[in-house]
Amino acid sequence: CYERLDRLVTIVGPPGTGKSRLARHYAHIRAKRTDAQTYFFDLTD
């Protein structure tokens, strides 16, 4: 998605499918492969 220059991607799905965990894992992998910073905003509350 980001390689084709999409800049806003929404992972959507019902509760329990692992959206948050997928986002964290993708961000972790991306941070290891690039010099770009990653910022995580938890909006649970």
PDB file of all heavy atoms in Angstrom:
ATOM      1  N   CYS A   1       0.834  -1.206   0.000  1.00  0.00           N
ATOM      2  CA  CYS A   1       0.000   0.000   0.000  1.00  0.00           C
ATOM      3  C   CYS A   1       0.867   1.254   0.000  1.00  0.00           C
ATOM      4  O   CYS A   1       0.637   2.188  -0.782  1.00  0.00           O
ATOM      5  CB  CYS A   1      -0.914   0.012   1.226  1.00  0.00           C
ATOM      6  SG  CYS A   1      -2.291  -1.159   1.174  1.00  0.00           S
ATOM      7  N   TYR A   2       1.862   1.276   0.863  1.00  0.00           N
ATOM      8  CA  TYR A   2       2.718   2.466   0.945  1.00  0.00           C
ATOM      9  C   TYR A   2       3.681   2.550  -0.233  1.00  0.00           C
ATOM     10  O   TYR A   2       4.051   3.651  -0.663  1.00  0.00           O
ATOM     11  CB  TYR A   2       3.474   2.459   2.275  1.00  0.00           C
ATOM     12  CG  TYR A   2       2.547   2.634   3.464  1.00  0.00           C
ATOM     13  CD1 TYR A   2       2.327   1.590   4.354  1.00  0.00           C
ATOM     14  CD2 TYR A   2       1.871   3.830   3.670  1.00  0.00           C
ATOM     15  CE1 TYR A   2       1.455   1.735   5.426  1.00  0.00           C
ATOM     16  CE2 TYR A   2       1.003   3.989   4.750  1.00  0.00           C
ATOM     17  CZ  TYR A   2       0.797   2.934   5.615  1.00  0.00           C
ATOM     18  OH  TYR A   2      -0.071   3.084   6.673  1.00  0.00           O
ATOM     19  N   GLU A   3       4.064   1.417  -0.780  1.00  0.00           N
ATOM     20  CA  GLU A   3       4.944   1.429  -1.949  1.00  0.00           C
ATOM     21  C   GLU A   3       4.252   2.050  -3.161  1.00  0.00           C
ATOM     22  O   GLU A   3       4.903   2.637  -4.023  1.00  0.00           O
ATOM     23  CB  GLU A   3       5.404   0.006  -2.274  1.00  0.00           C
ATOM     24  CG  GLU A   3       6.434  -0.539  -1.290  1.00  0.00           C
ATOM     25  CD  GLU A   3       6.696  -2.021  -1.474  1.00  0.00           C
ATOM     26  OE1 GLU A   3       6.104  -2.612  -2.411  1.00  0.00           O
ATOM     27  OE2 GLU A   3       7.455  -2.600  -0.670  1.00  0.00           O
ATOM     28  N   ARG A   4       2.924   1.904  -3.239  1.00  0.00           N
ATOM     29  CA  ARG A   4       2.202   2.526  -4.350  1.00  0.00           C
ATOM     30  C   ARG A   4       1.727   3.930  -3.998  1.00  0.00           C
ATOM     31  O   ARG A   4       0.844   4.503  -4.631  1.00  0.00           O
ATOM     32  CB  ARG A   4       1.030   1.656  -4.779  1.00  0.00           C
ATOM     33  CG  ARG A   4      -0.076   1.480  -3.766  1.00  0.00           C
ATOM     34  CD  ARG A   4      -1.244   0.724  -4.373  1.00  0.00           C
ATOM     35  NE  ARG A   4      -2.329   0.612  -3.431  1.00  0.00           N
ATOM     36  CZ  ARG A   4      -2.768  -0.532  -2.908  1.00  0.00           C
ATOM     37  NH1 ARG A   4      -2.188  -1.672  -3.238  1.00  0.00           N
ATOM     38  NH2 ARG A   4      -3.786  -0.532  -2.063  1.00  0.00           N
ATOM     39  N   LEU A   5       2.325   4.484  -2.942  1.00  0.00           N
ATOM     40  CA  LEU A   5       2.152   5.873  -2.538  1.00  0.00           C
ATOM     41  C   LEU A   5       0.826   6.169  -1.843  1.00  0.00           C
ATOM     42  O   LEU A   5       0.419   7.330  -1.759  1.00  0.00           O
ATOM     43  CB  LEU A   5       2.339   6.823  -3.741  1.00  0.00           C
ATOM     44  CG  LEU A   5       3.684   6.702  -4.475  1.00  0.00           C
ATOM     45  CD1 LEU A   5       3.787   7.727  -5.582  1.00  0.00           C
ATOM     46  CD2 LEU A   5       4.844   6.835  -3.493  1.00  0.00           C
ATOM     47  N   ASP A   6       0.144   5.157  -1.344  1.00  0.00           N
ATOM     48  CA  ASP A   6      -0.962   5.416  -0.430  1.00  0.00           C
ATOM     49  C   ASP A   6      -0.361   5.978   0.860  1.00  0.00           C
ATOM     50  O   ASP A   6       0.663   5.499   1.337  1.00  0.00           O
ATOM     51  CB  ASP A   6      -1.728   4.128  -0.103  1.00  0.00           C
ATOM     52  CG  ASP A   6      -2.381   3.531  -1.341  1.00  0.00           C
ATOM     53  OD1 ASP A   6      -2.604   4.281  -2.302  1.00  0.00           O
ATOM     54  OD2 ASP A   6      -2.662   2.324  -1.334  1.00  0.00           O
ATOM     55  N   ARG A   7      -1.007   6.994   1.428  1.00  0.00           N
ATOM     56  CA  ARG A   7      -0.435   7.610   2.635  1.00  0.00           C
ATOM     57  C   ARG A   7      -1.287   7.423   3.875  1.00  0.00           C
ATOM     58  O   ARG A   7      -0.811   7.581   4.990  1.00  0.00           O
ATOM     59  CB  ARG A   7      -0.190   9.104   2.393  1.00  0.00           C
ATOM     60  CG  ARG A   7       0.895   9.381   1.358  1.00  0.00           C
ATOM     61  CD  ARG A   7       1.208  10.866   1.262  1.00  0.00           C
ATOM     62  NE  ARG A   7       1.510  11.419   2.561  1.00  0.00           N
ATOM     63  CZ  ARG A   7       0.892  12.504   3.057  1.00  0.00           C
ATOM     64  NH1 ARG A   7      -0.051  13.131   2.365  1.00  0.00           N
ATOM     65  NH2 ARG A   7       1.210  12.944   4.260  1.00  0.00           N
ATOM     66  N   LEU A   8      -2.554   7.101   3.682  1.00  0.00           N
ATOM     67  CA  LEU A   8      -3.445   6.851   4.814  1.00  0.00           C
ATOM     68  C   LEU A   8      -4.110   5.494   4.613  1.00  0.00           C
ATOM     69  O   LEU A   8      -4.942   5.327   3.720  1.00  0.00           O
ATOM     70  CB  LEU A   8      -4.515   7.949   4.916  1.00  0.00           C
ATOM     71  CG  LEU A   8      -5.675   7.688   5.882  1.00  0.00           C
ATOM     72  CD1 LEU A   8      -5.163   7.476   7.298  1.00  0.00           C
ATOM     73  CD2 LEU A   8      -6.685   8.831   5.832  1.00  0.00           C
ATOM     74  N   VAL A   9      -3.713   4.534   5.424  1.00  0.00           N
ATOM     75  CA  VAL A   9      -4.253   3.179   5.334  1.00  0.00           C
ATOM     76  C   VAL A   9      -4.988   2.871   6.636  1.00  0.00           C
ATOM     77  O   VAL A   9      -4.435   3.055   7.723  1.00  0.00           O
ATOM     78  CB  VAL A   9      -3.143   2.135   5.105  1.00  0.00           C
ATOM     79  CG1 VAL A   9      -3.740   0.729   5.032  1.00  0.00           C
ATOM     80  CG2 VAL A   9      -2.381   2.450   3.818  1.00  0.00           C
ATOM     81  N   THR A  10      -6.234   2.419   6.507  1.00  0.00           N
ATOM     82  CA  THR A  10      -7.018   2.042   7.676  1.00  0.00           C
ATOM     83  C   THR A  10      -7.223   0.534   7.689  1.00  0.00           C
ATOM     84  O   THR A  10      -7.824  -0.026   6.769  1.00  0.00           O
ATOM     85  CB  THR A  10      -8.396   2.737   7.673  1.00  0.00           C
ATOM     86  OG1 THR A  10      -8.211   4.153   7.694  1.00  0.00           O
ATOM     87  CG2 THR A  10      -9.205   2.324   8.910  1.00  0.00           C
ATOM     88  N   ILE A  11      -6.686  -0.108   8.717  1.00  0.00           N
ATOM     89  CA  ILE A  11      -6.951  -1.534   8.930  1.00  0.00           C
ATOM     90  C   ILE A  11      -8.299  -1.629   9.627  1.00  0.00           C
ATOM     91  O   ILE A  11      -8.469  -1.152  10.753  1.00  0.00           O
ATOM     92  CB  ILE A  11      -5.866  -2.187   9.801  1.00  0.00           C
ATOM     93  CG1 ILE A  11      -4.477  -1.994   9.186  1.00  0.00           C
ATOM     94  CG2 ILE A  11      -6.157  -3.677  10.003  1.00  0.00           C
ATOM     95  CD1 ILE A  11      -3.336  -2.479  10.078  1.00  0.00           C
ATOM     96  N   VAL A  12      -9.260  -2.214   8.950  1.00  0.00           N
ATOM     97  CA  VAL A  12     -10.617  -2.250   9.476  1.00  0.00           C
ATOM     98  C   VAL A  12     -11.062  -3.700   9.664  1.00  0.00           C
ATOM     99  O   VAL A  12     -10.693  -4.585   8.880  1.00  0.00           O
ATOM    100  CB  VAL A  12     -11.595  -1.478   8.548  1.00  0.00           C
ATOM    101  CG1 VAL A  12     -11.697  -2.149   7.185  1.00  0.00           C
ATOM    102  CG2 VAL A  12     -12.959  -1.325   9.186  1.00  0.00           C
ATOM    103  N   GLY A  13     -11.833  -3.935  10.712  1.00  0.00           N
ATOM    104  CA  GLY A  13     -12.321  -5.281  10.968  1.00  0.00           C
ATOM    105  C   GLY A  13     -13.002  -5.346  12.315  1.00  0.00           C
ATOM    106  O   GLY A  13     -12.893  -4.416  13.133  1.00  0.00           O
ATOM    107  N   PRO A  14     -13.727  -6.422  12.581  1.00  0.00           N
ATOM    108  CA  PRO A  14     -14.432  -6.562  13.861  1.00  0.00           C
ATOM    109  C   PRO A  14     -13.467  -6.776  15.018  1.00  0.00           C
ATOM    110  O   PRO A  14     -12.280  -7.023  14.808  1.00  0.00           O
ATOM    111  CB  PRO A  14     -15.322  -7.790  13.624  1.00  0.00           C
ATOM    112  CG  PRO A  14     -14.609  -8.577  12.564  1.00  0.00           C
ATOM    113  CD  PRO A  14     -13.949  -7.565  11.680  1.00  0.00           C
ATOM    114  N   PRO A  15     -13.963  -6.707  16.259  1.00  0.00           N
ATOM    115  CA  PRO A  15     -13.107  -6.911  17.427  1.00  0.00           C
ATOM    116  C   PRO A  15     -12.456  -8.293  17.408  1.00  0.00           C
ATOM    117  O   PRO A  15     -13.057  -9.275  16.973  1.00  0.00           O
ATOM    118  CB  PRO A  15     -14.076  -6.790  18.612  1.00  0.00           C
ATOM    119  CG  PRO A  15     -15.238  -6.016  18.082  1.00  0.00           C
ATOM    120  CD  PRO A  15     -15.353  -6.383  16.640  1.00  0.00           C
ATOM    121  N   GLY A  16     -11.212  -8.333  17.875  1.00  0.00           N
ATOM    122  CA  GLY A  16     -10.542  -9.615  18.052  1.00  0.00           C
ATOM    123  C   GLY A  16      -9.781 -10.145  16.863  1.00  0.00           C
ATOM    124  O   GLY A  16      -9.127 -11.191  16.950  1.00  0.00           O
ATOM    125  N   THR A  17      -9.842  -9.458  15.724  1.00  0.00           N
ATOM    126  CA  THR A  17      -9.163  -9.967  14.528  1.00  0.00           C
ATOM    127  C   THR A  17      -7.663  -9.683  14.535  1.00  0.00           C
ATOM    128  O   THR A  17      -6.940 -10.227  13.709  1.00  0.00           O
ATOM    129  CB  THR A  17      -9.784  -9.385  13.249  1.00  0.00           C
ATOM    130  OG1 THR A  17      -9.915  -7.962  13.388  1.00  0.00           O
ATOM    131  CG2 THR A  17     -11.145  -9.993  12.972  1.00  0.00           C
ATOM    132  N   GLY A  18      -7.211  -8.816  15.437  1.00  0.00           N
ATOM    133  CA  GLY A  18      -5.773  -8.561  15.531  1.00  0.00           C
ATOM    134  C   GLY A  18      -5.319  -7.313  14.808  1.00  0.00           C
ATOM    135  O   GLY A  18      -4.162  -7.230  14.388  1.00  0.00           O
ATOM    136  N   LYS A  19      -6.198  -6.316  14.678  1.00  0.00           N
ATOM    137  CA  LYS A  19      -5.841  -5.086  13.967  1.00  0.00           C
ATOM    138  C   LYS A  19      -4.673  -4.360  14.644  1.00  0.00           C
ATOM    139  O   LYS A  19      -3.705  -3.968  13.990  1.00  0.00           O
ATOM    140  CB  LYS A  19      -7.068  -4.156  13.885  1.00  0.00           C
ATOM    141  CG  LYS A  19      -8.264  -4.750  13.179  1.00  0.00           C
ATOM    142  CD  LYS A  19      -9.435  -3.784  13.111  1.00  0.00           C
ATOM    143  CE  LYS A  19     -10.006  -3.425  14.464  1.00  0.00           C
ATOM    144  NZ  LYS A  19     -10.614  -4.585  15.159  1.00  0.00           N
ATOM    145  N   SER A  20      -4.795  -4.187  15.955  1.00  0.00           N
ATOM    146  CA  SER A  20      -3.756  -3.461  16.688  1.00  0.00           C
ATOM    147  C   SER A  20      -2.424  -4.195  16.618  1.00  0.00           C
ATOM    148  O   SER A  20      -1.365  -3.585  16.418  1.00  0.00           O
ATOM    149  CB  SER A  20      -4.159  -3.289  18.156  1.00  0.00           C
ATOM    150  OG  SER A  20      -5.326  -2.508  18.272  1.00  0.00           O
ATOM    151  N   ARG A  21      -2.480  -5.494  16.763  1.00  0.00           N
ATOM    152  CA  ARG A  21      -1.249  -6.265  16.773  1.00  0.00           C
ATOM    153  C   ARG A  21      -0.580  -6.257  15.400  1.00  0.00           C
ATOM    154  O   ARG A  21       0.648  -6.186  15.292  1.00  0.00           O
ATOM    155  CB  ARG A  21      -1.541  -7.694  17.218  1.00  0.00           C
ATOM    156  CG  ARG A  21      -0.293  -8.490  17.456  1.00  0.00           C
ATOM    157  CD  ARG A  21      -0.451  -9.449  18.595  1.00  0.00           C
ATOM    158  NE  ARG A  21       0.852  -9.960  18.985  1.00  0.00           N
ATOM    159  CZ  ARG A  21       1.026 -10.954  19.824  1.00  0.00           C
ATOM    160  NH1 ARG A  21      -0.004 -11.524  20.401  1.00  0.00           N
ATOM    161  NH2 ARG A  21       2.234 -11.374  20.125  1.00  0.00           N
ATOM    162  N   LEU A  22      -1.386  -6.331  14.339  1.00  0.00           N
ATOM    163  CA  LEU A  22      -0.830  -6.251  12.989  1.00  0.00           C
ATOM    164  C   LEU A  22      -0.160  -4.896  12.772  1.00  0.00           C
ATOM    165  O   LEU A  22       0.948  -4.821  12.226  1.00  0.00           O
ATOM    166  CB  LEU A  22      -1.926  -6.472  11.952  1.00  0.00           C
ATOM    167  CG  LEU A  22      -1.514  -6.286  10.492  1.00  0.00           C
ATOM    168  CD1 LEU A  22      -0.452  -7.302  10.081  1.00  0.00           C
ATOM    169  CD2 LEU A  22      -2.738  -6.380   9.570  1.00  0.00           C
ATOM    170  N   ALA A  23      -0.813  -3.832  13.209  1.00  0.00           N
ATOM    171  CA  ALA A  23      -0.245  -2.497  13.046  1.00  0.00           C
ATOM    172  C   ALA A  23       1.077  -2.363  13.792  1.00  0.00           C
ATOM    173  O   ALA A  23       2.058  -1.817  13.269  1.00  0.00           O
ATOM    174  CB  ALA A  23      -1.238  -1.439  13.532  1.00  0.00           C
ATOM    175  N   ARG A  24       1.115  -2.861  15.027  1.00  0.00           N
ATOM    176  CA  ARG A  24       2.353  -2.805  15.804  1.00  0.00           C
ATOM    177  C   ARG A  24       3.466  -3.596  15.120  1.00  0.00           C
ATOM    178  O   ARG A  24       4.614  -3.134  15.048  1.00  0.00           O
ATOM    179  CB  ARG A  24       2.122  -3.370  17.208  1.00  0.00           C
ATOM    180  CG  ARG A  24       1.411  -2.441  18.166  1.00  0.00           C
ATOM    181  CD  ARG A  24       1.302  -3.081  19.548  1.00  0.00           C
ATOM    182  NE  ARG A  24       0.638  -2.214  20.497  1.00  0.00           N
ATOM    183  CZ  ARG A  24       1.234  -1.269  21.213  1.00  0.00           C
ATOM    184  NH1 ARG A  24       2.545  -1.075  21.062  1.00  0.00           N
ATOM    185  NH2 ARG A  24       0.564  -0.526  22.062  1.00  0.00           N
ATOM    186  N   HIS A  25       3.116  -4.783  14.640  1.00  0.00           N
ATOM    187  CA  HIS A  25       4.150  -5.628  14.045  1.00  0.00           C
ATOM    188  C   HIS A  25       4.652  -5.028  12.736  1.00  0.00           C
ATOM    189  O   HIS A  25       5.862  -5.039  12.462  1.00  0.00           O
ATOM    190  CB  HIS A  25       3.603  -7.038  13.817  1.00  0.00           C
ATOM    191  CG  HIS A  25       4.665  -8.085  13.775  1.00  0.00           C
ATOM    192  ND1 HIS A  25       5.349  -8.502  14.902  1.00  0.00           N
ATOM    193  CD2 HIS A  25       5.184  -8.795  12.742  1.00  0.00           C
ATOM    194  CE1 HIS A  25       6.248  -9.419  14.554  1.00  0.00           C
ATOM    195  NE2 HIS A  25       6.171  -9.613  13.263  1.00  0.00           N
ATOM    196  N   TYR A  26       3.737  -4.505  11.929  1.00  0.00           N
ATOM    197  CA  TYR A  26       4.168  -3.855  10.687  1.00  0.00           C
ATOM    198  C   TYR A  26       5.084  -2.666  11.004  1.00  0.00           C
ATOM    199  O   TYR A  26       6.132  -2.488  10.372  1.00  0.00           O
ATOM    200  CB  TYR A  26       2.961  -3.382   9.879  1.00  0.00           C
ATOM    201  CG  TYR A  26       3.375  -2.515   8.713  1.00  0.00           C
ATOM    202  CD1 TYR A  26       3.958  -3.085   7.581  1.00  0.00           C
ATOM    203  CD2 TYR A  26       3.263  -1.124   8.777  1.00  0.00           C
ATOM    204  CE1 TYR A  26       4.392  -2.288   6.530  1.00  0.00           C
ATOM    205  CE2 TYR A  26       3.698  -0.331   7.733  1.00  0.00           C
ATOM    206  CZ  TYR A  26       4.264  -0.911   6.615  1.00  0.00           C
ATOM    207  OH  TYR A  26       4.700  -0.130   5.585  1.00  0.00           O
ATOM    208  N   ALA A  27       4.682  -1.853  11.983  1.00  0.00           N
ATOM    209  CA  ALA A  27       5.492  -0.686  12.340  1.00  0.00           C
ATOM    210  C   ALA A  27       6.869  -1.105  12.837  1.00  0.00           C
ATOM    211  O   ALA A  27       7.883  -0.458  12.523  1.00  0.00           O
ATOM    212  CB  ALA A  27       4.766   0.133  13.408  1.00  0.00           C
ATOM    213  N   HIS A  28       6.927  -2.175  13.597  1.00  0.00           N
ATOM    214  CA  HIS A  28       8.208  -2.680  14.114  1.00  0.00           C
ATOM    215  C   HIS A  28       9.116  -3.129  12.972  1.00  0.00           C
ATOM    216  O   HIS A  28      10.312  -2.785  12.939  1.00  0.00           O
ATOM    217  CB  HIS A  28       7.936  -3.833  15.073  1.00  0.00           C
ATOM    218  CG  HIS A  28       9.167  -4.473  15.623  1.00  0.00           C
ATOM    219  ND1 HIS A  28       9.982  -3.871  16.552  1.00  0.00           N
ATOM    220  CD2 HIS A  28       9.739  -5.691  15.357  1.00  0.00           C
ATOM    221  CE1 HIS A  28      10.991  -4.665  16.845  1.00  0.00           C
ATOM    222  NE2 HIS A  28      10.874  -5.768  16.141  1.00  0.00           N
ATOM    223  N   ILE A  29       8.550  -3.873  12.029  1.00  0.00           N
ATOM    224  CA  ILE A  29       9.340  -4.349  10.892  1.00  0.00           C
ATOM    225  C   ILE A  29       9.834  -3.176  10.051  1.00  0.00           C
ATOM    226  O   ILE A  29      10.991  -3.114   9.638  1.00  0.00           O
ATOM    227  CB  ILE A  29       8.506  -5.314  10.028  1.00  0.00           C
ATOM    228  CG1 ILE A  29       8.258  -6.617  10.793  1.00  0.00           C
ATOM    229  CG2 ILE A  29       9.194  -5.608   8.694  1.00  0.00           C
ATOM    230  CD1 ILE A  29       7.324  -7.569  10.093  1.00  0.00           C
ATOM    231  N   ARG A  30       8.925  -2.239   9.801  1.00  0.00           N
ATOM    232  CA  ARG A  30       9.288  -1.071   8.991  1.00  0.00           C
ATOM    233  C   ARG A  30      10.394  -0.262   9.658  1.00  0.00           C
ATOM    234  O   ARG A  30      11.323   0.205   8.995  1.00  0.00           O
ATOM    235  CB  ARG A  30       8.041  -0.212   8.776  1.00  0.00           C
ATOM    236  CG  ARG A  30       8.289   1.072   7.990  1.00  0.00           C
ATOM    237  CD  ARG A  30       6.987   1.811   7.807  1.00  0.00           C
ATOM    238  NE  ARG A  30       7.202   3.146   7.256  1.00  0.00           N
ATOM    239  CZ  ARG A  30       6.543   3.651   6.249  1.00  0.00           C
ATOM    240  NH1 ARG A  30       5.605   2.922   5.649  1.00  0.00           N
ATOM    241  NH2 ARG A  30       6.773   4.873   5.815  1.00  0.00           N
ATOM    242  N   ALA A  31      10.305  -0.102  10.976  1.00  0.00           N
ATOM    243  CA  ALA A  31      11.319   0.672  11.698  1.00  0.00           C
ATOM    244  C   ALA A  31      12.694   0.023  11.590  1.00  0.00           C
ATOM    245  O   ALA A  31      13.720   0.712  11.536  1.00  0.00           O
ATOM    246  CB  ALA A  31      10.910   0.828  13.152  1.00  0.00           C
ATOM    247  N   LYS A  32      12.735  -1.299  11.563  1.00  0.00           N
ATOM    248  CA  LYS A  32      14.021  -2.001  11.463  1.00  0.00           C
ATOM    249  C   LYS A  32      14.601  -1.890  10.060  1.00  0.00           C
ATOM    250  O   LYS A  32      15.821  -1.983   9.893  1.00  0.00           O
ATOM    251  CB  LYS A  32      13.840  -3.475  11.834  1.00  0.00           C
ATOM    252  CG  LYS A  32      13.550  -3.716  13.305  1.00  0.00           C
ATOM    253  CD  LYS A  32      13.880  -5.135  13.733  1.00  0.00           C
ATOM    254  CE  LYS A  32      13.106  -6.159  12.928  1.00  0.00           C
ATOM    255  NZ  LYS A  32      13.365  -7.548  13.404  1.00  0.00           N
ATOM    256  N   ARG A  33      13.745  -1.704   9.053  1.00  0.00           N
ATOM    257  CA  ARG A  33      14.211  -1.711   7.665  1.00  0.00           C
ATOM    258  C   ARG A  33      14.503  -0.319   7.118  1.00  0.00           C
ATOM    259  O   ARG A  33      15.132  -0.194   6.080  1.00  0.00           O
ATOM    260  CB  ARG A  33      13.163  -2.399   6.777  1.00  0.00           C
ATOM    261  CG  ARG A  33      13.019  -3.893   7.063  1.00  0.00           C
ATOM    262  CD  ARG A  33      11.944  -4.507   6.204  1.00  0.00           C
ATOM    263  NE  ARG A  33      11.830  -5.953   6.435  1.00  0.00           N
ATOM    264  CZ  ARG A  33      10.891  -6.723   5.899  1.00  0.00           C
ATOM    265  NH1 ARG A  33       9.976  -6.193   5.090  1.00  0.00           N
ATOM    266  NH2 ARG A  33      10.867  -8.020   6.157  1.00  0.00           N
ATOM    267  N   THR A  34      14.012   0.709   7.788  1.00  0.00           N
ATOM    268  CA  THR A  34      14.213   2.061   7.302  1.00  0.00           C
ATOM    269  C   THR A  34      14.738   2.944   8.421  1.00  0.00           C
ATOM    270  O   THR A  34      14.716   2.587   9.595  1.00  0.00           O
ATOM    271  CB  THR A  34      12.896   2.667   6.758  1.00  0.00           C
ATOM    272  OG1 THR A  34      12.015   2.937   7.866  1.00  0.00           O
ATOM    273  CG2 THR A  34      12.211   1.711   5.795  1.00  0.00           C
ATOM    274  N   ASP A  35      15.167   4.140   8.032  1.00  0.00           N
ATOM    275  CA  ASP A  35      15.636   5.106   9.026  1.00  0.00           C
ATOM    276  C   ASP A  35      14.503   5.981   9.538  1.00  0.00           C
ATOM    277  O   ASP A  35      14.701   6.802  10.443  1.00  0.00           O
ATOM    278  CB  ASP A  35      16.730   6.000   8.416  1.00  0.00           C
ATOM    279  CG  ASP A  35      17.988   5.210   8.073  1.00  0.00           C
ATOM    280  OD1 ASP A  35      18.254   4.220   8.786  1.00  0.00           O
ATOM    281  OD2 ASP A  35      18.677   5.568   7.102  1.00  0.00           O
ATOM    282  N   ALA A  36      13.299   5.839   8.959  1.00  0.00           N
ATOM    283  CA  ALA A  36      12.183   6.691   9.333  1.00  0.00           C
ATOM    284  C   ALA A  36      11.701   6.364  10.749  1.00  0.00           C
ATOM    285  O   ALA A  36      11.694   5.207  11.165  1.00  0.00           O
ATOM    286  CB  ALA A  36      11.035   6.529   8.342  1.00  0.00           C
ATOM    287  N   GLN A  37      11.296   7.392  11.468  1.00  0.00           N
ATOM    288  CA  GLN A  37      10.790   7.224  12.816  1.00  0.00           C
ATOM    289  C   GLN A  37       9.348   6.679  12.780  1.00  0.00           C
ATOM    290  O   GLN A  37       8.633   6.832  11.785  1.00  0.00           O
ATOM    291  CB  GLN A  37      10.792   8.557  13.560  1.00  0.00           C
ATOM    292  CG  GLN A  37      12.188   9.084  13.871  1.00  0.00           C
ATOM    293  CD  GLN A  37      12.891   8.219  14.911  1.00  0.00           C
ATOM    294  OE1 GLN A  37      12.352   7.962  15.989  1.00  0.00           O
ATOM    295  NE2 GLN A  37      14.096   7.764  14.598  1.00  0.00           N
ATOM    296  N   THR A  38       8.947   6.043  13.866  1.00  0.00           N
ATOM    297  CA  THR A  38       7.584   5.537  14.003  1.00  0.00           C
ATOM    298  C   THR A  38       7.013   6.042  15.317  1.00  0.00           C
ATOM    299  O   THR A  38       7.685   5.996  16.355  1.00  0.00           O
ATOM    300  CB  THR A  38       7.560   3.996  13.998  1.00  0.00           C
ATOM    301  OG1 THR A  38       8.127   3.517  12.776  1.00  0.00           O
ATOM    302  CG2 THR A  38       6.138   3.480  14.114  1.00  0.00           C
ATOM    303  N   TYR A  39       5.777   6.532  15.267  1.00  0.00           N
ATOM    304  CA  TYR A  39       5.100   7.051  16.451  1.00  0.00           C
ATOM    305  C   TYR A  39       3.768   6.331  16.609  1.00  0.00           C
ATOM    306  O   TYR A  39       2.998   6.217  15.653  1.00  0.00           O
ATOM    307  CB  TYR A  39       4.878   8.558  16.335  1.00  0.00           C
ATOM    308  CG  TYR A  39       6.170   9.333  16.246  1.00  0.00           C
ATOM    309  CD1 TYR A  39       6.784   9.550  15.010  1.00  0.00           C
ATOM    310  CD2 TYR A  39       6.795   9.820  17.387  1.00  0.00           C
ATOM    311  CE1 TYR A  39       7.985  10.242  14.922  1.00  0.00           C
ATOM    312  CE2 TYR A  39       8.003  10.513  17.310  1.00  0.00           C
ATOM    313  CZ  TYR A  39       8.594  10.719  16.075  1.00  0.00           C
ATOM    314  OH  TYR A  39       9.782  11.389  15.987  1.00  0.00           O
ATOM    315  N   PHE A  40       3.492   5.865  17.820  1.00  0.00           N
ATOM    316  CA  PHE A  40       2.290   5.066  18.093  1.00  0.00           C
ATOM    317  C   PHE A  40       1.382   5.840  19.041  1.00  0.00           C
ATOM    318  O   PHE A  40       1.782   6.185  20.150  1.00  0.00           O
ATOM    319  CB  PHE A  40       2.682   3.726  18.714  1.00  0.00           C
ATOM    320  CG  PHE A  40       1.549   2.738  18.778  1.00  0.00           C
ATOM    321  CD1 PHE A  40       1.297   1.872  17.727  1.00  0.00           C
ATOM    322  CD2 PHE A  40       0.728   2.679  19.898  1.00  0.00           C
ATOM    323  CE1 PHE A  40       0.253   0.963  17.786  1.00  0.00           C
ATOM    324  CE2 PHE A  40      -0.314   1.773  19.975  1.00  0.00           C
ATOM    325  CZ  PHE A  40      -0.555   0.914  18.906  1.00  0.00           C
ATOM    326  N   PHE A  41       0.148   6.105  18.586  1.00  0.00           N
ATOM    327  CA  PHE A  41      -0.819   6.849  19.379  1.00  0.00           C
ATOM    328  C   PHE A  41      -1.955   5.905  19.774  1.00  0.00           C
ATOM    329  O   PHE A  41      -2.771   5.521  18.941  1.00  0.00           O
ATOM    330  CB  PHE A  41      -1.370   8.033  18.576  1.00  0.00           C
ATOM    331  CG  PHE A  41      -0.301   8.927  18.003  1.00  0.00           C
ATOM    332  CD1 PHE A  41      -0.067   8.961  16.634  1.00  0.00           C
ATOM    333  CD2 PHE A  41       0.487   9.722  18.820  1.00  0.00           C
ATOM    334  CE1 PHE A  41       0.907   9.773  16.086  1.00  0.00           C
ATOM    335  CE2 PHE A  41       1.478  10.537  18.291  1.00  0.00           C
ATOM    336  CZ  PHE A  41       1.697  10.566  16.922  1.00  0.00           C
ATOM    337  N   ASP A  42      -1.993   5.535  21.039  1.00  0.00           N
ATOM    338  CA  ASP A  42      -3.009   4.624  21.549  1.00  0.00           C
ATOM    339  C   ASP A  42      -4.249   5.428  21.952  1.00  0.00           C
ATOM    340  O   ASP A  42      -4.222   6.196  22.912  1.00  0.00           O
ATOM    341  CB  ASP A  42      -2.456   3.860  22.756  1.00  0.00           C
ATOM    342  CG  ASP A  42      -3.428   2.809  23.283  1.00  0.00           C
ATOM    343  OD1 ASP A  42      -4.558   2.715  22.750  1.00  0.00           O
ATOM    344  OD2 ASP A  42      -3.064   2.089  24.219  1.00  0.00           O
ATOM    345  N   LEU A  43      -5.342   5.236  21.210  1.00  0.00           N
ATOM    346  CA  LEU A  43      -6.569   5.995  21.447  1.00  0.00           C
ATOM    347  C   LEU A  43      -7.627   5.176  22.181  1.00  0.00           C
ATOM    348  O   LEU A  43      -8.814   5.497  22.117  1.00  0.00           O
ATOM    349  CB  LEU A  43      -7.122   6.485  20.100  1.00  0.00           C
ATOM    350  CG  LEU A  43      -6.156   7.307  19.245  1.00  0.00           C
ATOM    351  CD1 LEU A  43      -6.826   7.737  17.947  1.00  0.00           C
ATOM    352  CD2 LEU A  43      -5.644   8.522  20.017  1.00  0.00           C
ATOM    353  N   THR A  44      -7.191   4.136  22.884  1.00  0.00           N
ATOM    354  CA  THR A  44      -8.136   3.270  23.598  1.00  0.00           C
ATOM    355  C   THR A  44      -9.045   4.071  24.518  1.00  0.00           C
ATOM    356  O   THR A  44     -10.251   3.816  24.601  1.00  0.00           O
ATOM    357  CB  THR A  44      -7.383   2.215  24.414  1.00  0.00           C
ATOM    358  OG1 THR A  44      -6.557   1.436  23.551  1.00  0.00           O
ATOM    359  CG2 THR A  44      -8.356   1.286  25.134  1.00  0.00           C
ATOM    360  N   ASP A  45      -8.488   5.048  25.222  1.00  0.00           N
ATOM    361  CA  ASP A  45      -9.265   5.820  26.190  1.00  0.00           C
ATOM    362  C   ASP A  45      -9.733   7.160  25.646  1.00  0.00           C
ATOM    363  O   ASP A  45     -10.319   7.963  26.390  1.00  0.00           O
ATOM    364  CB  ASP A  45      -8.430   6.048  27.462  1.00  0.00           C
ATOM    365  CG  ASP A  45      -8.083   4.741  28.159  1.00  0.00           C
ATOM    366  OD1 ASP A  45      -8.921   3.836  28.168  1.00  0.00           O
ATOM    367  OD2 ASP A  45      -6.941   4.628  28.666  1.00  0.00           O
TER     368      ASP A  45
END
